[in-house]
Protein backbone atom coordinates (compact mmCIF):
# COMPACT_ATOMS: atom_id res chain seq x y z
CA MET A 1 120.42 113.21 85.08
CA ASN A 2 119.85 114.46 81.64
CA HIS A 3 121.56 111.81 79.74
CA ALA A 4 120.84 109.72 76.28
CA PRO A 5 119.62 106.05 76.99
CA ILE A 6 121.83 103.74 76.22
CA PRO A 7 120.68 101.04 73.81
CA GLY A 8 118.42 98.46 76.11
CA GLN A 9 118.00 100.71 79.22
CA GLN A 10 114.54 101.56 78.43
CA ALA A 11 113.67 97.86 77.72
CA ALA A 12 115.29 96.74 80.84
CA ILE A 13 113.20 99.17 82.76
CA GLU A 14 109.98 98.22 81.51
CA ALA A 15 110.72 94.47 82.06
CA LEU A 16 111.76 95.21 85.70
CA LEU A 17 108.71 97.08 86.07
CA ASN A 18 106.54 93.72 84.33
CA ALA A 19 108.55 91.63 86.86
CA SER A 20 107.38 93.77 90.01
CA ALA A 21 103.97 92.44 89.41
CA ARG A 22 102.36 95.62 90.72
CA THR A 23 99.23 96.18 89.31
CA SER A 24 98.26 99.42 90.65
CA GLN A 25 101.53 100.59 88.30
CA ARG A 26 102.21 102.47 91.53
CA VAL A 27 104.99 102.06 94.01
CA ASN A 28 104.58 103.21 97.80
CA ILE A 29 107.00 104.84 98.98
CA ARG A 30 106.91 105.59 102.92
CA ASN A 31 106.98 109.66 103.71
CA SER A 32 109.67 109.01 106.19
CA PHE A 33 112.25 108.86 102.94
CA VAL A 34 111.49 112.66 102.29
CA GLN A 35 110.70 113.85 105.74
CA GLY A 36 109.96 111.85 109.68
CA GLY A 37 109.08 112.86 112.87
CA ASP A 38 105.74 114.67 113.27
CA GLN A 39 104.72 118.32 111.75
CA LYS A 40 105.59 119.99 115.06
CA HIS A 41 108.80 118.12 115.36
CA PRO A 42 109.86 117.53 111.51
CA VAL A 43 113.12 115.36 110.56
CA PRO A 44 114.66 115.36 107.64
CA GLY A 45 114.69 111.67 105.70
CA PRO A 46 117.67 109.73 103.84
CA LEU A 47 116.64 111.52 100.56
CA HIS A 48 118.38 114.74 101.97
CA LYS A 49 121.80 112.70 102.35
CA ILE A 50 121.51 111.58 98.93
CA VAL A 51 121.08 115.30 97.64
CA ARG A 52 123.56 116.43 99.82
CA ALA A 53 125.85 114.02 98.12
CA GLN A 54 124.87 114.55 94.67
CA ASP A 55 124.24 110.97 94.57
CA ASP A 56 121.99 110.39 91.21
CA ARG A 57 122.73 106.74 90.90
CA ALA A 58 121.78 106.20 94.45
CA LEU A 59 118.34 107.52 94.45
CA ASP A 60 117.71 106.06 91.12
CA LEU A 61 118.73 102.59 92.15
CA PHE A 62 116.91 102.91 95.25
CA LEU A 63 113.65 103.68 93.55
CA LEU A 64 114.07 100.85 90.64
CA HIS A 65 115.16 98.18 93.89
CA ARG A 66 111.94 99.62 95.65
CA THR A 67 109.61 99.11 92.80
CA LEU A 68 110.86 95.60 91.91
CA VAL A 69 110.72 94.27 95.26
CA SER A 70 106.63 94.11 96.35
CA ALA A 71 106.41 91.06 98.32
CA GLU A 72 108.14 89.25 101.64
CA PRO A 73 110.98 88.44 102.26
CA TRP A 74 111.22 91.93 100.20
CA THR A 75 114.51 90.27 98.70
CA SER A 76 115.38 91.02 94.91
CA ARG A 77 115.91 88.40 92.32
CA PRO A 78 119.42 87.82 91.47
CA LEU A 79 120.04 89.78 88.66
CA LEU A 80 123.58 90.44 86.93
CA SER A 81 125.44 93.73 88.17
CA ARG A 82 125.27 94.69 84.20
CA VAL A 83 121.51 94.21 84.17
CA TRP A 84 121.34 96.77 87.09
CA ALA A 85 123.97 98.86 85.03
CA ARG A 86 122.17 99.13 81.96
CA MET A 87 119.08 100.27 84.10
CA LEU A 88 121.21 102.93 84.99
CA GLY A 89 122.75 103.93 81.91
CA VAL A 90 126.18 102.96 83.08
CA GLU A 91 126.71 99.84 81.29
CA THR A 92 130.26 100.34 79.95
CA ASP A 93 132.51 98.64 77.34
CA GLN A 94 135.36 98.20 80.09
CA ASP A 95 133.54 96.01 83.00
CA HIS A 96 129.47 96.50 81.77
CA GLY A 97 129.43 98.57 84.94
CA ALA A 98 129.70 96.14 87.64
CA ALA A 99 131.96 98.94 89.62
CA VAL A 100 130.09 101.74 89.47
CA VAL A 101 127.01 99.37 90.63
CA SER A 102 128.98 97.93 93.20
CA ARG A 103 129.74 100.93 94.74
CA THR A 104 126.09 102.52 94.41
CA TRP A 105 124.97 99.31 96.50
CA ARG A 106 127.51 99.89 98.97
CA ARG A 107 126.26 103.49 99.57
CA LEU A 108 122.79 102.32 99.99
CA ASP A 109 123.93 99.86 102.26
CA GLN A 110 126.63 101.48 104.59
CA LYS A 111 125.57 105.49 103.89
CA TYR A 112 121.80 105.73 104.04
CA GLY A 113 120.73 102.37 105.41
CA LEU A 114 118.19 101.67 102.81
CA ILE A 115 119.03 98.06 101.98
CA THR A 116 121.38 95.06 103.13
CA ARG A 117 123.18 93.07 100.63
CA GLY A 118 123.46 89.19 100.49
CA LYS A 119 123.88 86.28 97.98
CA THR A 120 122.09 83.53 96.23
CA GLY A 121 124.88 81.37 95.05
CA ARG A 122 127.31 83.65 93.01
CA ARG A 123 124.96 86.48 92.49
CA ALA A 124 124.18 89.29 94.70
CA VAL A 125 120.81 89.71 95.91
CA PHE A 126 119.24 93.17 98.14
CA THR A 127 116.67 93.39 100.55
CA SER A 128 114.80 96.52 101.51
CA LEU A 129 115.27 98.10 104.95
CA ARG A 130 112.52 101.27 106.38
CA GLU A 131 112.92 103.83 104.08
CA ASP A 132 113.54 106.17 107.30
CA GLY A 133 117.24 104.86 107.28
CA SER A 134 116.99 103.14 110.53
CA ARG A 135 118.06 99.66 109.42
CA GLU A 136 114.88 98.28 111.11
CA ASP A 137 113.25 95.72 108.82
CA TYR A 138 110.81 96.34 105.95
CA THR A 139 107.25 96.20 106.21
CA ALA A 140 104.82 97.61 103.64
CA PRO A 141 103.32 100.75 104.90
CA SER A 142 99.53 100.67 105.68
CA GLY A 143 98.80 104.42 106.19
CA ARG A 144 97.40 103.99 109.54
CA ASP A 145 99.61 106.02 111.68
CA VAL A 146 102.09 108.66 110.83
CA ASP A 147 104.98 105.98 110.91
CA ASN A 148 103.37 104.59 107.78
CA ARG A 149 101.96 107.35 105.89
CA TYR A 150 103.14 106.79 102.38
CA PHE A 151 103.26 108.43 98.86
CA GLN A 152 103.08 106.55 95.58
CA LEU A 153 105.28 106.80 92.67
CA PRO A 154 103.82 106.00 89.33
CA PHE A 155 105.06 104.06 86.72
CA ASP A 156 104.92 106.92 84.51
CA TYR A 157 108.23 108.09 86.17
CA TRP A 158 110.08 105.61 83.92
CA THR A 159 107.64 104.69 81.00
CA ASP A 160 106.55 108.67 80.37
CA ASP A 161 107.83 109.89 76.87
CA GLN A 162 109.91 112.54 78.60
CA ALA A 163 111.45 109.74 80.69
CA TRP A 164 111.66 111.65 83.59
CA HIS A 165 114.03 109.49 85.27
CA ARG A 166 116.71 110.84 82.78
CA THR A 167 115.72 114.43 82.08
CA LEU A 168 115.20 115.38 85.69
CA THR A 169 117.65 117.15 87.68
CA LEU A 170 118.74 115.52 91.15
CA ALA A 171 116.90 118.74 92.33
CA GLY A 172 113.97 117.87 90.47
CA LYS A 173 113.90 114.24 91.42
CA ALA A 174 114.00 115.27 95.23
CA MET A 175 111.23 117.89 95.13
CA LEU A 176 108.77 115.87 92.80
CA LEU A 177 109.29 113.11 95.52
CA VAL A 178 108.97 115.75 98.24
CA SER A 179 105.68 117.59 96.63
CA SER A 180 104.56 113.70 96.45
CA THR A 181 104.01 113.84 100.00
CA LEU A 182 102.18 116.93 100.40
CA PRO A 183 98.42 117.79 99.24
CA PRO A 184 97.46 119.64 95.94
CA GLY A 185 97.90 123.37 96.71
CA PHE A 186 100.42 122.92 99.11
CA ILE A 187 102.73 125.86 100.14
CA LEU A 188 106.55 125.37 100.84
CA PRO A 189 108.27 128.36 102.42
CA GLY A 190 111.60 128.16 100.69
CA GLU A 191 113.27 129.09 104.02
CA ARG A 192 111.64 126.51 105.87
CA VAL A 193 113.22 123.66 103.53
CA PRO A 194 116.58 123.34 105.29
CA GLU A 195 114.76 122.48 108.41
CA TRP A 196 111.96 120.33 107.22
CA TYR A 197 113.69 118.32 104.53
CA GLY A 198 117.35 119.10 105.19
CA ILE A 199 117.76 120.22 101.52
CA SER A 200 118.91 123.87 100.83
CA GLU A 201 116.74 126.85 99.87
CA SER A 202 118.61 127.03 96.85
CA THR A 203 118.27 123.69 95.59
CA ALA A 204 114.43 123.62 96.23
CA GLN A 205 113.62 126.74 94.31
CA ARG A 206 115.43 125.08 91.51
CA GLY A 207 113.83 121.68 91.71
CA LEU A 208 110.70 123.53 92.06
CA ARG A 209 111.59 125.72 89.09
CA GLU A 210 112.28 122.71 87.10
CA LEU A 211 109.56 121.03 87.79
CA ARG A 212 106.95 123.92 86.84
CA ASP A 213 109.05 124.38 83.52
CA VAL A 214 108.59 120.77 82.53
CA GLY A 215 105.05 120.75 83.36
CA LEU A 216 104.83 118.65 86.29
CA LEU A 217 103.82 121.39 88.88
CA ASN A 218 101.32 123.93 88.89
CA LEU A 219 101.35 127.13 90.51
CA SER A 220 98.96 129.47 91.63
CA ILE A 221 99.49 132.60 93.90
CA SER A 222 96.94 133.75 96.10
CA TYR A 223 96.95 137.15 98.54
CA LYS A 224 96.89 136.93 102.63
CA PRO A 225 95.76 140.24 104.32
CA THR A 226 99.01 141.34 106.59
CA PRO A 227 98.01 144.51 107.82
CA LEU A 228 100.62 144.79 110.53
CA GLU A 229 103.67 143.80 108.28
CA LYS A 230 105.29 146.43 106.33
CA ILE A 231 103.18 145.13 103.38
CA GLN A 232 99.51 144.83 103.78
CA THR A 233 99.00 142.22 101.45
CA THR A 234 101.68 138.95 100.78
CA GLU A 235 101.77 136.55 98.12
CA VAL A 236 101.18 132.96 98.63
CA TYR A 237 102.29 130.59 96.21
CA ASN A 238 100.48 127.29 95.89
CA TYR A 239 101.86 124.00 94.18
CA THR A 240 100.23 121.25 92.54
CA LEU A 241 101.50 118.26 91.24
CA VAL A 242 99.96 117.44 87.76
CA PRO A 243 98.61 113.83 87.29
CA PRO A 244 99.39 111.36 87.23
CA PHE A 245 102.19 112.20 90.35
CA GLY A 246 100.67 113.78 93.25
CA ARG A 247 98.13 112.47 95.91
CA THR A 248 95.20 110.78 93.97
CA GLU A 249 92.05 112.17 94.92
CA LYS A 250 89.60 109.67 96.99
CA ARG A 251 86.60 109.37 95.19
CA ARG A 252 83.48 109.40 97.60
CA LEU A 253 80.23 107.12 97.02
CA ARG A 254 77.23 109.33 95.62
CA VAL A 255 74.37 108.37 97.91
CA VAL A 256 71.24 108.35 95.58
CA PRO A 257 68.24 108.92 97.70
CA LYS A 258 65.12 106.40 97.49
CA ILE A 259 61.95 107.53 95.91
CA VAL A 260 59.21 106.37 97.59
CA SER A 261 55.75 106.24 96.19
CA ALA A 262 52.59 107.53 97.98
């Protein structure tokens, strides 16, 4: 969102990350937040509604909540509204950001179907729902089938010196999440983005360009023969997120052959 930090904002975020007790320092998020369906019939996920509404705060709050809530019953601890506001950078002098935060929680609930709201005593608590916006109960994604595939958002998103959660625009954040669901060297034709992700081609191009400009996305160009087209060779753009973002390569066990003496 490209704004300067308010006093205590980064300290509050880092305290939340510690409170999540995630030893991997990564949060698993279902791909269906970005795109549901299957390869032949993709369905844009709730992310596209957030992008179309230019709802930066909803995305920021969703990611913070999803990170904090790491175990059943998937309900956040009862934090003061001004604490959530502090993490969002909207802890104003007038009401300490309470109204802004309340409206954002309401949109996450009623408009995007990503959380439900409740109370513990006099404090509000928020329970995760499935990331596809279906309002089904949340379960931890297993990765075993299409509906449970997930990507990982590293804590570096909040803790890196570049403060990506503050400095990236909504277009940049959206394309960072989209790119995180794709393998290294992915190809993303701009004209297919609206159909696949519900995000306009111009927003996607702007977000990808921003990620390249700040050093989070590498681009390589390959060439495909197209002898039956007007141009006989077509450029193909291949993108790869820079670590720690993107998919982590699984290490294969190296089998060392046994030496049998004669």
